[in-house]
Amino acid sequence: MMKTDAQLQKDVMAELKWEPAVHAEQVGVEVKNGVVTLAGEVGSYTEKWNAERAAQRVHGVMALAVEMKVRLSGLGQRSDADIAESASNILGWTNSLPPQAVRVMVESGWLTLSGEVPWQYQRQDAAHAVRFLMGVTGVSNQIEIKPLASATAIKSDIEAALKRRAAADANSVAVSVHGGDVTLTGTVHSWAERDLAIESAWGSAGVRKVVDQLELSY
């Protein structure tokens, strides 16, 4: 049974209160036709990120619009040069990343990562490493993946991973590969299943981009 917008709003608000990293009273929640909009001001990019993830955990959320703004306290504000130096240092100490593979640019607290790495998990590690730095108001991950395998091999790897991880839904997800770009189509029954399919697609070496065209069917 599909949730009403009112029930969905109630559940998202409850999940935000349940998430200890979020000050739920600072986040407004609106719902229309299953699309959840988060608004308000939060004290850090980490809090904004955690609020987004909390909303996505709620069953019935069809899509998420984020209109939250990060307003740093006086103690949380740092110069762009200071943030850039801290980000470069922490990336240098992240042992999953090739040396000097990731470049950093900061503008008004917004941190942009660029460069090339062989694997998606390395892109994720880089973003995770800098996400929690004081003074950061947002993170754009523009790191690219170097193609390391043929399209046929990538497709085969992803389909095998889907069968291992989600046997019940593997046949409902179609995988197409062009170069290092992967497109997923078909139907999944929750955000968790969608995340699992996307994670499986990114798990193959050489995948540069995953296009999510999966439909949610509750």
Protein backbone atom coordinates (compact mmCIF):
# COMPACT_ATOMS: atom_id res chain seq x y z
CA MET A 1 0.00 0.00 0.00
CA MET A 2 1.39 3.38 -1.02
CA LYS A 3 1.83 6.01 1.68
CA THR A 4 -0.06 9.27 1.52
CA ASP A 5 1.94 12.48 1.30
CA ALA A 6 0.94 13.28 4.90
CA GLN A 7 2.22 9.90 6.15
CA LEU A 8 5.40 10.26 4.13
CA GLN A 9 6.02 13.72 5.62
CA LYS A 10 5.48 12.33 9.12
CA ASP A 11 7.89 9.43 8.49
CA VAL A 12 10.63 11.66 7.01
CA MET A 13 10.37 14.05 9.96
CA ALA A 14 10.60 11.10 12.35
CA GLU A 15 13.67 9.74 10.53
CA LEU A 16 15.35 13.15 10.71
CA LYS A 17 14.71 13.23 14.47
CA TRP A 18 16.11 9.71 14.73
CA GLU A 19 19.35 10.76 12.96
CA PRO A 20 21.69 12.08 15.72
CA ALA A 21 23.86 14.05 13.25
CA VAL A 22 20.91 16.26 12.21
CA HIS A 23 19.14 19.05 14.11
CA ALA A 24 15.70 18.06 12.83
CA GLU A 25 14.03 21.23 14.10
CA GLN A 26 16.06 23.24 11.55
CA VAL A 27 14.90 21.18 8.56
CA GLY A 28 11.52 21.74 6.91
CA VAL A 29 9.85 18.83 5.11
CA GLU A 30 7.29 19.15 2.32
CA VAL A 31 5.85 16.30 0.27
CA LYS A 32 3.89 16.34 -2.98
CA ASN A 33 3.10 13.21 -4.99
CA GLY A 34 5.84 11.27 -3.18
CA VAL A 35 8.50 13.91 -3.91
CA VAL A 36 10.13 15.11 -0.69
CA THR A 37 11.59 18.62 -0.42
CA LEU A 38 14.02 19.43 2.40
CA ALA A 39 14.47 23.12 3.22
CA GLY A 40 15.96 25.27 5.98
CA GLU A 41 19.44 26.04 7.23
CA VAL A 42 21.97 23.66 8.75
CA GLY A 43 25.29 24.32 10.44
CA SER A 44 27.58 22.19 8.25
CA TYR A 45 27.78 20.35 4.96
CA THR A 46 28.01 17.08 6.90
CA GLU A 47 24.65 17.77 8.53
CA LYS A 48 23.10 18.53 5.14
CA TRP A 49 24.53 15.31 3.72
CA ASN A 50 23.20 13.26 6.65
CA ALA A 51 19.74 14.83 6.31
CA GLU A 52 19.62 13.83 2.64
CA ARG A 53 20.61 10.25 3.46
CA ALA A 54 18.04 10.07 6.27
CA ALA A 55 15.22 11.11 3.93
CA GLN A 56 16.28 8.57 1.32
CA ARG A 57 16.06 5.78 3.90
CA VAL A 58 12.30 6.27 4.27
CA HIS A 59 10.17 3.78 2.35
CA GLY A 60 7.91 5.46 -0.18
CA VAL A 61 10.12 8.42 -1.11
CA MET A 62 9.95 8.64 -4.91
CA ALA A 63 12.38 11.56 -5.34
CA LEU A 64 14.23 14.10 -3.21
CA ALA A 65 14.64 17.85 -3.76
CA VAL A 66 17.22 19.56 -1.56
CA GLU A 67 16.79 23.26 -0.81
CA MET A 68 18.76 23.29 2.45
CA LYS A 69 21.48 25.88 2.85
CA VAL A 70 24.66 25.62 4.90
CA ARG A 71 25.20 28.56 7.23
CA LEU A 72 28.47 28.22 9.12
CA SER A 73 28.91 29.62 12.60
CA GLY A 74 31.75 32.06 13.28
CA LEU A 75 33.85 29.22 14.70
CA GLY A 76 33.22 27.07 11.61
CA GLN A 77 34.37 29.61 9.04
CA ARG A 78 37.80 29.20 7.43
CA SER A 79 39.55 30.76 4.46
CA ASP A 80 39.47 28.93 1.13
CA ALA A 81 43.26 28.62 1.24
CA ASP A 82 43.08 26.96 4.67
CA ILE A 83 40.40 24.50 3.49
CA ALA A 84 42.38 23.70 0.33
CA GLU A 85 45.52 23.00 2.34
CA SER A 86 43.65 20.73 4.78
CA ALA A 87 41.93 18.88 1.92
CA SER A 88 45.22 18.33 0.07
CA ASN A 89 46.84 17.02 3.24
CA ILE A 90 44.06 14.58 4.09
CA LEU A 91 43.89 13.29 0.50
CA GLY A 92 47.64 12.71 0.63
CA TRP A 93 47.13 10.56 3.72
CA THR A 94 44.26 8.54 2.18
CA ASN A 95 46.01 5.29 1.33
CA SER A 96 43.44 4.10 -1.25
CA LEU A 97 44.28 7.03 -3.56
CA PRO A 98 47.19 7.06 -6.03
CA PRO A 99 49.69 9.81 -5.12
CA GLN A 100 48.72 13.24 -6.46
CA ALA A 101 45.82 11.76 -8.44
CA VAL A 102 43.24 14.18 -7.02
CA ARG A 103 43.29 17.95 -7.38
CA VAL A 104 41.47 20.37 -5.10
CA MET A 105 39.79 23.71 -5.76
CA VAL A 106 37.88 25.75 -3.16
CA GLU A 107 35.58 28.72 -3.74
CA SER A 108 33.55 30.24 -0.88
CA GLY A 109 33.89 27.01 1.05
CA TRP A 110 32.67 24.85 -1.85
CA LEU A 111 35.25 22.16 -2.56
CA THR A 112 35.68 20.69 -6.05
CA LEU A 113 37.69 17.51 -6.60
CA SER A 114 39.12 16.63 -10.03
CA GLY A 115 41.66 14.21 -11.48
CA GLU A 116 41.63 10.54 -12.55
CA VAL A 117 41.54 7.26 -10.61
CA PRO A 118 41.01 3.63 -11.73
CA TRP A 119 38.07 2.76 -9.45
CA GLN A 120 34.77 4.28 -8.24
CA TYR A 121 35.53 3.40 -4.61
CA GLN A 122 38.54 5.72 -4.86
CA ARG A 123 36.26 8.56 -6.02
CA GLN A 124 34.06 7.85 -3.02
CA ASP A 125 37.01 7.67 -0.61
CA ALA A 126 38.25 11.07 -1.81
CA ALA A 127 34.86 12.74 -1.26
CA HIS A 128 34.44 11.03 2.10
CA ALA A 129 37.87 12.19 3.23
CA VAL A 130 37.09 15.88 2.70
CA ARG A 131 33.36 15.91 3.48
CA PHE A 132 33.85 16.38 7.21
CA LEU A 133 36.42 19.18 7.10
CA MET A 134 35.47 22.29 9.04
CA GLY A 135 34.47 25.20 6.80
CA VAL A 136 33.29 23.10 3.84
CA THR A 137 29.88 24.20 2.52
CA GLY A 138 29.63 21.67 -0.32
CA VAL A 139 31.58 19.07 -2.32
CA SER A 140 31.55 18.54 -6.10
CA ASN A 141 33.17 15.26 -7.06
CA GLN A 142 34.43 15.67 -10.63
CA ILE A 143 37.09 12.94 -10.40
CA GLU A 144 37.00 10.76 -13.54
CA ILE A 145 37.50 7.02 -13.91
CA LYS A 146 40.14 5.70 -16.29
CA PRO A 147 38.63 2.97 -18.53
CA LEU A 148 40.46 -0.29 -17.80
CA ALA A 149 38.22 -2.91 -19.40
CA SER A 150 36.12 -3.60 -22.49
CA ALA A 151 32.40 -2.84 -22.53
CA THR A 152 31.62 -6.57 -22.80
CA ALA A 153 33.71 -7.38 -19.73
CA ILE A 154 32.15 -4.53 -17.75
CA LYS A 155 28.61 -5.67 -18.64
CA SER A 156 29.40 -9.26 -17.69
CA ASP A 157 30.96 -8.23 -14.37
CA ILE A 158 27.98 -6.06 -13.41
CA GLU A 159 25.37 -8.68 -14.33
CA ALA A 160 27.23 -11.29 -12.31
CA ALA A 161 27.42 -8.93 -9.31
CA LEU A 162 23.67 -8.23 -9.53
CA LYS A 163 22.90 -11.97 -9.51
CA ARG A 164 25.15 -12.53 -6.49
CA ARG A 165 23.75 -9.64 -4.48
CA ALA A 166 20.09 -9.36 -5.48
CA ALA A 167 18.97 -12.66 -6.93
CA ALA A 168 15.26 -11.78 -6.68
CA ASP A 169 15.60 -8.52 -8.60
CA ALA A 170 18.59 -9.19 -10.84
CA ASN A 171 16.41 -10.06 -13.81
CA SER A 172 14.39 -6.85 -13.48
CA VAL A 173 17.48 -4.67 -14.01
CA ALA A 174 18.94 -4.33 -17.51
CA VAL A 175 22.56 -3.28 -18.03
CA SER A 176 23.89 -1.56 -21.14
CA VAL A 177 27.47 -0.36 -21.58
CA HIS A 178 28.95 2.12 -24.03
CA GLY A 179 32.65 2.63 -23.50
CA GLY A 180 32.95 3.15 -19.77
CA ASP A 181 29.39 4.50 -19.41
CA VAL A 182 26.81 2.17 -17.85
CA THR A 183 23.03 2.65 -18.10
CA LEU A 184 20.69 0.82 -15.73
CA THR A 185 17.03 0.38 -16.68
CA GLY A 186 14.18 -1.63 -15.23
CA THR A 187 12.30 -1.68 -11.93
CA VAL A 188 13.37 -1.82 -8.29
CA HIS A 189 11.21 -1.83 -5.19
CA SER A 190 13.10 0.42 -2.78
CA TRP A 191 15.89 3.01 -2.54
CA ALA A 192 18.01 0.27 -0.97
CA GLU A 193 17.60 -1.96 -4.04
CA ARG A 194 18.34 1.00 -6.31
CA ASP A 195 21.50 1.82 -4.31
CA LEU A 196 22.55 -1.83 -4.48
CA ALA A 197 22.16 -1.90 -8.27
CA ILE A 198 24.11 1.35 -8.68
CA GLU A 199 26.82 0.18 -6.28
CA SER A 200 27.11 -3.07 -8.26
CA ALA A 201 27.49 -1.10 -11.49
CA TRP A 202 30.25 1.07 -10.02
CA GLY A 203 32.05 -2.05 -8.74
CA SER A 204 33.48 -2.99 -12.13
CA ALA A 205 36.89 -1.63 -13.10
CA GLY A 206 36.77 1.07 -15.76
CA VAL A 207 33.23 2.31 -15.19
CA ARG A 208 33.35 6.09 -15.67
CA LYS A 209 29.67 6.93 -15.37
CA VAL A 210 26.47 5.23 -14.21
CA VAL A 211 23.19 6.53 -15.65
CA ASP A 212 20.33 5.62 -13.32
CA GLN A 213 17.10 5.12 -15.30
CA LEU A 214 15.65 2.66 -12.81
CA GLU A 215 12.02 3.09 -11.81
CA LEU A 216 10.84 2.75 -8.22
CA SER A 217 7.77 0.57 -7.80
CA TYR A 218 6.53 0.22 -4.22
